[in-house]
Amino acid sequence: MPKVSIAGTDKIFDVKEGEILYDALSDRGEELPHGCLSGSCGACRIDVIEGQENLQPAGLVENNTIDCLKEEFSQKNGKEFLENKHIRLACRAKIKGDVLFRSLK
């Protein structure tokens, strides 16, 4: 059973393979930032610190939103802000294995 951990906390959740990260944590009492829950607003953006390969590849809607977020972050914080960041949307990311993440503001 995959484990999902939130960086900077001692929170570790056992989840089922194939669950959407946001739904899995919400079902276990952990509320993440969110908005539309359909992948177009970007409010549930996360930085996957470990286990990027343990999430199913992003689809078209998620990729489009991530591209917009990256542009916004680059303009606000400089391109170096994005170095070593693996942005995904918690409402769209399906779990295949262990993942460590933090919310990205």
PDB file of N, CA and C in Angstrom:
ATOM      1  N   MET A   1       0.845  -1.178   0.000  1.00  0.00           N
ATOM      2  CA  MET A   1       0.000   0.000   0.000  1.00  0.00           C
ATOM      3  C   MET A   1       0.896   1.249   0.000  1.00  0.00           C
ATOM      4  N   PRO A   2       0.715   2.141  -0.965  1.00  0.00           N
ATOM      5  CA  PRO A   2       1.551   3.352  -1.026  1.00  0.00           C
ATOM      6  C   PRO A   2       1.354   4.251   0.189  1.00  0.00           C
ATOM      7  N   LYS A   3       2.411   5.010   0.485  1.00  0.00           N
ATOM      8  CA  LYS A   3       2.377   5.984   1.571  1.00  0.00           C
ATOM      9  C   LYS A   3       2.573   7.377   0.978  1.00  0.00           C
ATOM     10  N   VAL A   4       1.755   8.310   1.441  1.00  0.00           N
ATOM     11  CA  VAL A   4       1.869   9.701   1.025  1.00  0.00           C
ATOM     12  C   VAL A   4       2.231  10.503   2.267  1.00  0.00           C
ATOM     13  N   SER A   5       3.339  11.259   2.175  1.00  0.00           N
ATOM     14  CA  SER A   5       3.837  12.048   3.308  1.00  0.00           C
ATOM     15  C   SER A   5       3.836  13.523   2.951  1.00  0.00           C
ATOM     16  N   ILE A   6       3.548  14.355   3.961  1.00  0.00           N
ATOM     17  CA  ILE A   6       3.580  15.805   3.782  1.00  0.00           C
ATOM     18  C   ILE A   6       4.869  16.316   4.410  1.00  0.00           C
ATOM     19  N   ALA A   7       5.712  16.944   3.600  1.00  0.00           N
ATOM     20  CA  ALA A   7       7.008  17.449   4.066  1.00  0.00           C
ATOM     21  C   ALA A   7       6.813  18.460   5.182  1.00  0.00           C
ATOM     22  N   GLY A   8       7.740  18.434   6.137  1.00  0.00           N
ATOM     23  CA  GLY A   8       7.708  19.374   7.247  1.00  0.00           C
ATOM     24  C   GLY A   8       6.729  18.995   8.343  1.00  0.00           C
ATOM     25  N   THR A   9       6.093  17.836   8.183  1.00  0.00           N
ATOM     26  CA  THR A   9       5.163  17.342   9.198  1.00  0.00           C
ATOM     27  C   THR A   9       5.492  15.878   9.471  1.00  0.00           C
ATOM     28  N   ASP A  10       4.821  15.322  10.447  1.00  0.00           N
ATOM     29  CA  ASP A  10       4.972  13.885  10.697  1.00  0.00           C
ATOM     30  C   ASP A  10       3.784  13.110  10.120  1.00  0.00           C
ATOM     31  N   LYS A  11       3.051  13.733   9.201  1.00  0.00           N
ATOM     32  CA  LYS A  11       1.856  13.122   8.623  1.00  0.00           C
ATOM     33  C   LYS A  11       2.224  12.180   7.481  1.00  0.00           C
ATOM     34  N   ILE A  12       1.827  10.925   7.655  1.00  0.00           N
ATOM     35  CA  ILE A  12       2.031   9.886   6.645  1.00  0.00           C
ATOM     36  C   ILE A  12       0.703   9.148   6.505  1.00  0.00           C
ATOM     37  N   PHE A  13       0.250   8.986   5.276  1.00  0.00           N
ATOM     38  CA  PHE A  13      -1.044   8.369   5.021  1.00  0.00           C
ATOM     39  C   PHE A  13      -0.874   7.126   4.163  1.00  0.00           C
ATOM     40  N   ASP A  14      -1.507   6.025   4.573  1.00  0.00           N
ATOM     41  CA  ASP A  14      -1.594   4.839   3.731  1.00  0.00           C
ATOM     42  C   ASP A  14      -2.737   5.081   2.756  1.00  0.00           C
ATOM     43  N   VAL A  15      -2.458   4.931   1.472  1.00  0.00           N
ATOM     44  CA  VAL A  15      -3.462   5.184   0.446  1.00  0.00           C
ATOM     45  C   VAL A  15      -3.521   3.998  -0.511  1.00  0.00           C
ATOM     46  N   LYS A  16      -4.565   3.971  -1.314  1.00  0.00           N
ATOM     47  CA  LYS A  16      -4.709   2.908  -2.300  1.00  0.00           C
ATOM     48  C   LYS A  16      -4.092   3.354  -3.617  1.00  0.00           C
ATOM     49  N   GLU A  17      -3.447   2.431  -4.292  1.00  0.00           N
ATOM     50  CA  GLU A  17      -2.920   2.723  -5.617  1.00  0.00           C
ATOM     51  C   GLU A  17      -4.074   3.111  -6.535  1.00  0.00           C
ATOM     52  N   GLY A  18      -3.866   4.160  -7.327  1.00  0.00           N
ATOM     53  CA  GLY A  18      -4.883   4.632  -8.253  1.00  0.00           C
ATOM     54  C   GLY A  18      -5.750   5.748  -7.698  1.00  0.00           C
ATOM     55  N   GLU A  19      -5.639   6.014  -6.392  1.00  0.00           N
ATOM     56  CA  GLU A  19      -6.408   7.119  -5.811  1.00  0.00           C
ATOM     57  C   GLU A  19      -5.813   8.453  -6.252  1.00  0.00           C
ATOM     58  N   ILE A  20      -6.665   9.454  -6.339  1.00  0.00           N
ATOM     59  CA  ILE A  20      -6.213  10.813  -6.593  1.00  0.00           C
ATOM     60  C   ILE A  20      -5.712  11.368  -5.270  1.00  0.00           C
ATOM     61  N   LEU A  21      -4.547  11.989  -5.289  1.00  0.00           N
ATOM     62  CA  LEU A  21      -3.897  12.443  -4.063  1.00  0.00           C
ATOM     63  C   LEU A  21      -4.822  13.291  -3.197  1.00  0.00           C
ATOM     64  N   TYR A  22      -5.466  14.298  -3.781  1.00  0.00           N
ATOM     65  CA  TYR A  22      -6.346  15.166  -2.995  1.00  0.00           C
ATOM     66  C   TYR A  22      -7.458  14.357  -2.333  1.00  0.00           C
ATOM     67  N   ASP A  23      -8.120  13.500  -3.097  1.00  0.00           N
ATOM     68  CA  ASP A  23      -9.233  12.708  -2.564  1.00  0.00           C
ATOM     69  C   ASP A  23      -8.764  11.756  -1.471  1.00  0.00           C
ATOM     70  N   ALA A  24      -7.626  11.131  -1.680  1.00  0.00           N
ATOM     71  CA  ALA A  24      -7.105  10.181  -0.701  1.00  0.00           C
ATOM     72  C   ALA A  24      -6.865  10.858   0.642  1.00  0.00           C
ATOM     73  N   LEU A  25      -6.246  12.030   0.615  1.00  0.00           N
ATOM     74  CA  LEU A  25      -5.964  12.715   1.873  1.00  0.00           C
ATOM     75  C   LEU A  25      -7.226  13.304   2.489  1.00  0.00           C
ATOM     76  N   SER A  26      -8.102  13.825   1.669  1.00  0.00           N
ATOM     77  CA  SER A  26      -9.374  14.363   2.166  1.00  0.00           C
ATOM     78  C   SER A  26     -10.183  13.264   2.864  1.00  0.00           C
ATOM     79  N   ASP A  27     -10.218  12.084   2.264  1.00  0.00           N
ATOM     80  CA  ASP A  27     -10.941  10.948   2.857  1.00  0.00           C
ATOM     81  C   ASP A  27     -10.357  10.539   4.207  1.00  0.00           C
ATOM     82  N   ARG A  28      -9.099  10.913   4.439  1.00  0.00           N
ATOM     83  CA  ARG A  28      -8.422  10.559   5.689  1.00  0.00           C
ATOM     84  C   ARG A  28      -8.338  11.754   6.643  1.00  0.00           C
ATOM     85  N   GLY A  29      -9.120  12.801   6.355  1.00  0.00           N
ATOM     86  CA  GLY A  29      -9.223  13.942   7.260  1.00  0.00           C
ATOM     87  C   GLY A  29      -8.235  15.066   7.050  1.00  0.00           C
ATOM     88  N   GLU A  30      -7.417  14.998   6.004  1.00  0.00           N
ATOM     89  CA  GLU A  30      -6.417  16.041   5.738  1.00  0.00           C
ATOM     90  C   GLU A  30      -6.924  16.944   4.616  1.00  0.00           C
ATOM     91  N   GLU A  31      -7.150  18.202   4.916  1.00  0.00           N
ATOM     92  CA  GLU A  31      -7.625  19.147   3.905  1.00  0.00           C
ATOM     93  C   GLU A  31      -6.448  19.897   3.299  1.00  0.00           C
ATOM     94  N   LEU A  32      -6.348  19.847   2.007  1.00  0.00           N
ATOM     95  CA  LEU A  32      -5.327  20.580   1.266  1.00  0.00           C
ATOM     96  C   LEU A  32      -5.967  21.812   0.645  1.00  0.00           C
ATOM     97  N   PRO A  33      -5.168  22.823   0.331  1.00  0.00           N
ATOM     98  CA  PRO A  33      -5.723  23.963  -0.403  1.00  0.00           C
ATOM     99  C   PRO A  33      -6.361  23.465  -1.703  1.00  0.00           C
ATOM    100  N   HIS A  34      -7.484  24.055  -2.063  1.00  0.00           N
ATOM    101  CA  HIS A  34      -8.158  23.644  -3.294  1.00  0.00           C
ATOM    102  C   HIS A  34      -9.086  24.744  -3.781  1.00  0.00           C
ATOM    103  N   GLY A  35      -9.528  24.578  -4.990  1.00  0.00           N
ATOM    104  CA  GLY A  35     -10.477  25.497  -5.609  1.00  0.00           C
ATOM    105  C   GLY A  35     -11.485  24.687  -6.394  1.00  0.00           C
ATOM    106  N   CYS A  36     -11.254  24.570  -7.690  1.00  0.00           N
ATOM    107  CA  CYS A  36     -12.225  23.947  -8.590  1.00  0.00           C
ATOM    108  C   CYS A  36     -12.273  22.421  -8.497  1.00  0.00           C
ATOM    109  N   LEU A  37     -11.187  21.808  -8.082  1.00  0.00           N
ATOM    110  CA  LEU A  37     -11.039  20.349  -8.028  1.00  0.00           C
ATOM    111  C   LEU A  37     -11.208  19.678  -9.392  1.00  0.00           C
ATOM    112  N   SER A  38     -10.974  20.446 -10.461  1.00  0.00           N
ATOM    113  CA  SER A  38     -11.037  19.855 -11.802  1.00  0.00           C
ATOM    114  C   SER A  38      -9.740  20.056 -12.573  1.00  0.00           C
ATOM    115  N   GLY A  39      -8.744  20.692 -11.942  1.00  0.00           N
ATOM    116  CA  GLY A  39      -7.441  20.829 -12.571  1.00  0.00           C
ATOM    117  C   GLY A  39      -7.214  22.106 -13.339  1.00  0.00           C
ATOM    118  N   SER A  40      -8.152  23.025 -13.297  1.00  0.00           N
ATOM    119  CA  SER A  40      -7.964  24.228 -14.105  1.00  0.00           C
ATOM    120  C   SER A  40      -7.605  25.478 -13.304  1.00  0.00           C
ATOM    121  N   CYS A  41      -7.786  25.489 -11.981  1.00  0.00           N
ATOM    122  CA  CYS A  41      -7.495  26.716 -11.223  1.00  0.00           C
ATOM    123  C   CYS A  41      -6.086  26.740 -10.642  1.00  0.00           C
ATOM    124  N   GLY A  42      -5.521  25.585 -10.348  1.00  0.00           N
ATOM    125  CA  GLY A  42      -4.166  25.519  -9.815  1.00  0.00           C
ATOM    126  C   GLY A  42      -4.048  25.752  -8.321  1.00  0.00           C
ATOM    127  N   ALA A  43      -5.157  25.899  -7.604  1.00  0.00           N
ATOM    128  CA  ALA A  43      -5.105  26.165  -6.164  1.00  0.00           C
ATOM    129  C   ALA A  43      -4.521  24.997  -5.370  1.00  0.00           C
ATOM    130  N   CYS A  44      -4.624  23.792  -5.893  1.00  0.00           N
ATOM    131  CA  CYS A  44      -4.149  22.606  -5.173  1.00  0.00           C
ATOM    132  C   CYS A  44      -2.729  22.208  -5.583  1.00  0.00           C
ATOM    133  N   ARG A  45      -1.979  23.152  -6.120  1.00  0.00           N
ATOM    134  CA  ARG A  45      -0.626  22.868  -6.598  1.00  0.00           C
ATOM    135  C   ARG A  45       0.269  22.372  -5.464  1.00  0.00           C
ATOM    136  N   ILE A  46       1.082  21.396  -5.813  1.00  0.00           N
ATOM    137  CA  ILE A  46       2.024  20.823  -4.866  1.00  0.00           C
ATOM    138  C   ILE A  46       3.388  20.707  -5.529  1.00  0.00           C
ATOM    139  N   ASP A  47       4.410  20.586  -4.694  1.00  0.00           N
ATOM    140  CA  ASP A  47       5.765  20.290  -5.145  1.00  0.00           C
ATOM    141  C   ASP A  47       6.065  18.874  -4.685  1.00  0.00           C
ATOM    142  N   VAL A  48       6.264  17.976  -5.623  1.00  0.00           N
ATOM    143  CA  VAL A  48       6.576  16.581  -5.299  1.00  0.00           C
ATOM    144  C   VAL A  48       8.077  16.495  -5.052  1.00  0.00           C
ATOM    145  N   ILE A  49       8.450  16.257  -3.816  1.00  0.00           N
ATOM    146  CA  ILE A  49       9.852  16.237  -3.409  1.00  0.00           C
ATOM    147  C   ILE A  49      10.486  14.876  -3.723  1.00  0.00           C
ATOM    148  N   GLU A  50       9.752  13.827  -3.435  1.00  0.00           N
ATOM    149  CA  GLU A  50      10.211  12.467  -3.731  1.00  0.00           C
ATOM    150  C   GLU A  50       9.036  11.669  -4.277  1.00  0.00           C
ATOM    151  N   GLY A  51       9.317  10.832  -5.244  1.00  0.00           N
ATOM    152  CA  GLY A  51       8.302   9.929  -5.774  1.00  0.00           C
ATOM    153  C   GLY A  51       7.552  10.459  -6.980  1.00  0.00           C
ATOM    154  N   GLN A  52       8.158  11.395  -7.711  1.00  0.00           N
ATOM    155  CA  GLN A  52       7.506  11.902  -8.922  1.00  0.00           C
ATOM    156  C   GLN A  52       7.112  10.751  -9.846  1.00  0.00           C
ATOM    157  N   GLU A  53       7.976   9.740  -9.907  1.00  0.00           N
ATOM    158  CA  GLU A  53       7.721   8.585 -10.767  1.00  0.00           C
ATOM    159  C   GLU A  53       6.574   7.724 -10.243  1.00  0.00           C
ATOM    160  N   ASN A  54       6.139   7.980  -9.018  1.00  0.00           N
ATOM    161  CA  ASN A  54       5.056   7.214  -8.409  1.00  0.00           C
ATOM    162  C   ASN A  54       3.695   7.888  -8.561  1.00  0.00           C
ATOM    163  N   LEU A  55       3.624   8.849  -9.474  1.00  0.00           N
ATOM    164  CA  LEU A  55       2.356   9.459  -9.854  1.00  0.00           C
ATOM    165  C   LEU A  55       2.150   9.196 -11.340  1.00  0.00           C
ATOM    166  N   GLN A  56       0.923   8.915 -11.727  1.00  0.00           N
ATOM    167  CA  GLN A  56       0.651   8.721 -13.155  1.00  0.00           C
ATOM    168  C   GLN A  56       0.953  10.025 -13.883  1.00  0.00           C
ATOM    169  N   PRO A  57       1.380   9.959 -15.124  1.00  0.00           N
ATOM    170  CA  PRO A  57       1.699  11.174 -15.870  1.00  0.00           C
ATOM    171  C   PRO A  57       0.515  12.145 -15.920  1.00  0.00           C
ATOM    172  N   ALA A  58       0.844  13.419 -15.909  1.00  0.00           N
ATOM    173  CA  ALA A  58      -0.186  14.459 -15.970  1.00  0.00           C
ATOM    174  C   ALA A  58      -0.886  14.429 -17.320  1.00  0.00           C
ATOM    175  N   GLY A  59      -2.178  14.691 -17.297  1.00  0.00           N
ATOM    176  CA  GLY A  59      -2.960  14.775 -18.524  1.00  0.00           C
ATOM    177  C   GLY A  59      -2.934  16.187 -19.094  1.00  0.00           C
ATOM    178  N   LEU A  60      -3.675  16.392 -20.149  1.00  0.00           N
ATOM    179  CA  LEU A  60      -3.683  17.658 -20.878  1.00  0.00           C
ATOM    180  C   LEU A  60      -4.110  18.835 -19.999  1.00  0.00           C
ATOM    181  N   VAL A  61      -5.218  18.713 -19.282  1.00  0.00           N
ATOM    182  CA  VAL A  61      -5.712  19.814 -18.447  1.00  0.00           C
ATOM    183  C   VAL A  61      -4.686  20.158 -17.374  1.00  0.00           C
ATOM    184  N   GLU A  62      -4.167  19.139 -16.698  1.00  0.00           N
ATOM    185  CA  GLU A  62      -3.179  19.383 -15.645  1.00  0.00           C
ATOM    186  C   GLU A  62      -1.923  20.025 -16.221  1.00  0.00           C
ATOM    187  N   ASN A  63      -1.434  19.525 -17.344  1.00  0.00           N
ATOM    188  CA  ASN A  63      -0.231  20.105 -17.958  1.00  0.00           C
ATOM    189  C   ASN A  63      -0.437  21.564 -18.347  1.00  0.00           C
ATOM    190  N   ASN A  64      -1.604  21.889 -18.903  1.00  0.00           N
ATOM    191  CA  ASN A  64      -1.887  23.274 -19.267  1.00  0.00           C
ATOM    192  C   ASN A  64      -1.874  24.185 -18.040  1.00  0.00           C
ATOM    193  N   THR A  65      -2.481  23.737 -16.955  1.00  0.00           N
ATOM    194  CA  THR A  65      -2.516  24.524 -15.727  1.00  0.00           C
ATOM    195  C   THR A  65      -1.117  24.669 -15.139  1.00  0.00           C
ATOM    196  N   ILE A  66      -0.345  23.595 -15.148  1.00  0.00           N
ATOM    197  CA  ILE A  66       1.029  23.646 -14.632  1.00  0.00           C
ATOM    198  C   ILE A  66       1.872  24.616 -15.452  1.00  0.00           C
ATOM    199  N   ASP A  67       1.710  24.613 -16.769  1.00  0.00           N
ATOM    200  CA  ASP A  67       2.448  25.558 -17.619  1.00  0.00           C
ATOM    201  C   ASP A  67       2.127  27.000 -17.227  1.00  0.00           C
ATOM    202  N   CYS A  68       0.865  27.295 -16.978  1.00  0.00           N
ATOM    203  CA  CYS A  68       0.465  28.645 -16.550  1.00  0.00           C
ATOM    204  C   CYS A  68       1.056  28.982 -15.190  1.00  0.00           C
ATOM    205  N   LEU A  69       1.045  28.021 -14.277  1.00  0.00           N
ATOM    206  CA  LEU A  69       1.618  28.248 -12.945  1.00  0.00           C
ATOM    207  C   LEU A  69       3.116  28.521 -13.031  1.00  0.00           C
ATOM    208  N   LYS A  70       3.807  27.764 -13.862  1.00  0.00           N
ATOM    209  CA  LYS A  70       5.250  27.960 -14.015  1.00  0.00           C
ATOM    210  C   LYS A  70       5.555  29.360 -14.542  1.00  0.00           C
ATOM    211  N   GLU A  71       4.773  29.813 -15.493  1.00  0.00           N
ATOM    212  CA  GLU A  71       4.951  31.164 -16.028  1.00  0.00           C
ATOM    213  C   GLU A  71       4.722  32.207 -14.932  1.00  0.00           C
ATOM    214  N   GLU A  72       3.671  32.022 -14.164  1.00  0.00           N
ATOM    215  CA  GLU A  72       3.359  32.941 -13.059  1.00  0.00           C
ATOM    216  C   GLU A  72       4.486  32.954 -12.020  1.00  0.00           C
ATOM    217  N   PHE A  73       4.960  31.768 -11.623  1.00  0.00           N
ATOM    218  CA  PHE A  73       6.037  31.685 -10.641  1.00  0.00           C
ATOM    219  C   PHE A  73       7.316  32.335 -11.167  1.00  0.00           C
ATOM    220  N   SER A  74       7.618  32.115 -12.447  1.00  0.00           N
ATOM    221  CA  SER A  74       8.825  32.705 -13.040  1.00  0.00           C
ATOM    222  C   SER A  74       8.757  34.225 -13.020  1.00  0.00           C
ATOM    223  N   GLN A  75       7.603  34.766 -13.353  1.00  0.00           N
ATOM    224  CA  GLN A  75       7.445  36.220 -13.355  1.00  0.00           C
ATOM    225  C   GLN A  75       7.536  36.802 -11.949  1.00  0.00           C
ATOM    226  N   LYS A  76       6.951  36.121 -10.967  1.00  0.00           N
ATOM    227  CA  LYS A  76       6.934  36.620  -9.588  1.00  0.00           C
ATOM    228  C   LYS A  76       8.262  36.419  -8.865  1.00  0.00           C
ATOM    229  N   ASN A  77       8.846  35.230  -9.030  1.00  0.00           N
ATOM    230  CA  ASN A  77       9.974  34.806  -8.195  1.00  0.00           C
ATOM    231  C   ASN A  77      11.274  34.579  -8.954  1.00  0.00           C
ATOM    232  N   GLY A  78      11.268  34.702 -10.259  1.00  0.00           N
ATOM    233  CA  GLY A  78      12.443  34.393 -11.060  1.00  0.00           C
ATOM    234  C   GLY A  78      12.454  32.918 -11.442  1.00  0.00           C
ATOM    235  N   LYS A  79      13.139  32.624 -12.542  1.00  0.00           N
ATOM    236  CA  LYS A  79      13.174  31.249 -13.053  1.00  0.00           C
ATOM    237  C   LYS A  79      13.836  30.267 -12.086  1.00  0.00           C
ATOM    238  N   GLU A  80      14.782  30.757 -11.283  1.00  0.00           N
ATOM    239  CA  GLU A  80      15.468  29.864 -10.346  1.00  0.00           C
ATOM    240  C   GLU A  80      14.524  29.296  -9.292  1.00  0.00           C
ATOM    241  N   PHE A  81      13.385  29.953  -9.056  1.00  0.00           N
ATOM    242  CA  PHE A  81      12.398  29.438  -8.108  1.00  0.00           C
ATOM    243  C   PHE A  81      11.928  28.046  -8.513  1.00  0.00           C
ATOM    244  N   LEU A  82      11.874  27.788  -9.805  1.00  0.00           N
ATOM    245  CA  LEU A  82      11.350  26.515 -10.303  1.00  0.00           C
ATOM    246  C   LEU A  82      12.387  25.396 -10.328  1.00  0.00           C
ATOM    247  N   GLU A  83      13.660  25.734 -10.111  1.00  0.00           N
ATOM    248  CA  GLU A  83      14.691  24.703 -10.112  1.00  0.00           C
ATOM    249  C   GLU A  83      14.386  23.669  -9.037  1.00  0.00           C
ATOM    250  N   ASN A  84      14.497  22.416  -9.392  1.00  0.00           N
ATOM    251  CA  ASN A  84      14.269  21.290  -8.486  1.00  0.00           C
ATOM    252  C   ASN A  84      12.847  21.222  -7.954  1.00  0.00           C
ATOM    253  N   LYS A  85      11.899  21.819  -8.649  1.00  0.00           N
ATOM    254  CA  LYS A  85      10.498  21.719  -8.264  1.00  0.00           C
ATOM    255  C   LYS A  85       9.787  20.823  -9.279  1.00  0.00           C
ATOM    256  N   HIS A  86       8.940  19.978  -8.770  1.00  0.00           N
ATOM    257  CA  HIS A  86       8.147  19.073  -9.598  1.00  0.00           C
ATOM    258  C   HIS A  86       6.686  19.365  -9.284  1.00  0.00           C
ATOM    259  N   ILE A  87       6.121  20.298 -10.026  1.00  0.00           N
ATOM    260  CA  ILE A  87       4.772  20.766  -9.755  1.00  0.00           C
ATOM    261  C   ILE A  87       3.736  19.794 -10.308  1.00  0.00           C
ATOM    262  N   ARG A  88       2.779  19.484  -9.474  1.00  0.00           N
ATOM    263  CA  ARG A  88       1.609  18.694  -9.862  1.00  0.00           C
ATOM    264  C   ARG A  88       0.389  19.305  -9.193  1.00  0.00           C
ATOM    265  N   LEU A  89      -0.775  18.864  -9.608  1.00  0.00           N
ATOM    266  CA  LEU A  89      -2.023  19.294  -8.995  1.00  0.00           C
ATOM    267  C   LEU A  89      -2.571  18.133  -8.182  1.00  0.00           C
ATOM    268  N   ALA A  90      -2.794  18.368  -6.899  1.00  0.00           N
ATOM    269  CA  ALA A  90      -3.255  17.304  -6.012  1.00  0.00           C
ATOM    270  C   ALA A  90      -4.602  16.738  -6.449  1.00  0.00           C
ATOM    271  N   CYS A  91      -5.431  17.570  -7.091  1.00  0.00           N
ATOM    272  CA  CYS A  91      -6.762  17.110  -7.499  1.00  0.00           C
ATOM    273  C   CYS A  91      -6.725  16.219  -8.733  1.00  0.00           C
ATOM    274  N   ARG A  92      -5.581  16.122  -9.401  1.00  0.00           N
ATOM    275  CA  ARG A  92      -5.469  15.329 -10.628  1.00  0.00           C
ATOM    276  C   ARG A  92      -4.439  14.202 -10.536  1.00  0.00           C
ATOM    277  N   ALA A  93      -3.513  14.298  -9.594  1.00  0.00           N
ATOM    278  CA  ALA A  93      -2.389  13.357  -9.522  1.00  0.00           C
ATOM    279  C   ALA A  93      -2.835  12.014  -8.938  1.00  0.00           C
ATOM    280  N   LYS A  94      -2.715  10.949  -9.751  1.00  0.00           N
ATOM    281  CA  LYS A  94      -3.069   9.603  -9.300  1.00  0.00           C
ATOM    282  C   LYS A  94      -1.831   8.894  -8.775  1.00  0.00           C
ATOM    283  N   ILE A  95      -1.998   8.274  -7.630  1.00  0.00           N
ATOM    284  CA  ILE A  95      -0.898   7.656  -6.894  1.00  0.00           C
ATOM    285  C   ILE A  95      -0.622   6.237  -7.390  1.00  0.00           C
ATOM    286  N   LYS A  96       0.684   5.951  -7.617  1.00  0.00           N
ATOM    287  CA  LYS A  96       1.122   4.602  -7.984  1.00  0.00           C
ATOM    288  C   LYS A  96       2.060   4.019  -6.930  1.00  0.00           C
ATOM    289  N   GLY A  97       2.614   4.890  -6.066  1.00  0.00           N
ATOM    290  CA  GLY A  97       3.588   4.444  -5.057  1.00  0.00           C
ATOM    291  C   GLY A  97       3.814   5.562  -4.056  1.00  0.00           C
ATOM    292  N   ASP A  98       4.863   5.405  -3.254  1.00  0.00           N
ATOM    293  CA  ASP A  98       5.163   6.374  -2.196  1.00  0.00           C
ATOM    294  C   ASP A  98       5.489   7.754  -2.750  1.00  0.00           C
ATOM    295  N   VAL A  99       4.965   8.801  -2.074  1.00  0.00           N
ATOM    296  CA  VAL A  99       5.159  10.182  -2.494  1.00  0.00           C
ATOM    297  C   VAL A  99       5.377  11.063  -1.272  1.00  0.00           C
ATOM    298  N   LEU A 100       6.306  11.994  -1.391  1.00  0.00           N
ATOM    299  CA  LEU A 100       6.545  13.037  -0.386  1.00  0.00           C
ATOM    300  C   LEU A 100       6.327  14.366  -1.099  1.00  0.00           C
ATOM    301  N   PHE A 101       5.469  15.233  -0.529  1.00  0.00           N
ATOM    302  CA  PHE A 101       5.152  16.492  -1.179  1.00  0.00           C
ATOM    303  C   PHE A 101       4.975  17.603  -0.157  1.00  0.00           C
ATOM    304  N   ARG A 102       4.909  18.833  -0.682  1.00  0.00           N
ATOM    305  CA  ARG A 102       4.518  19.986   0.125  1.00  0.00           C
ATOM    306  C   ARG A 102       3.614  20.849  -0.743  1.00  0.00           C
ATOM    307  N   SER A 103       2.701  21.573  -0.073  1.00  0.00           N
ATOM    308  CA  SER A 103       1.864  22.517  -0.804  1.00  0.00           C
ATOM    309  C   SER A 103       2.748  23.630  -1.329  1.00  0.00           C
ATOM    310  N   LEU A 104       2.413  24.151  -2.467  1.00  0.00           N
ATOM    311  CA  LEU A 104       3.216  25.179  -3.131  1.00  0.00           C
ATOM    312  C   LEU A 104       2.382  26.444  -3.249  1.00  0.00           C
ATOM    313  N   LYS A 105       2.904  27.496  -2.656  1.00  0.00           N
ATOM    314  CA  LYS A 105       2.158  28.765  -2.650  1.00  0.00           C
ATOM    315  C   LYS A 105       2.762  29.771  -3.573  1.00  0.00           C
TER     316      LYS A 105
END
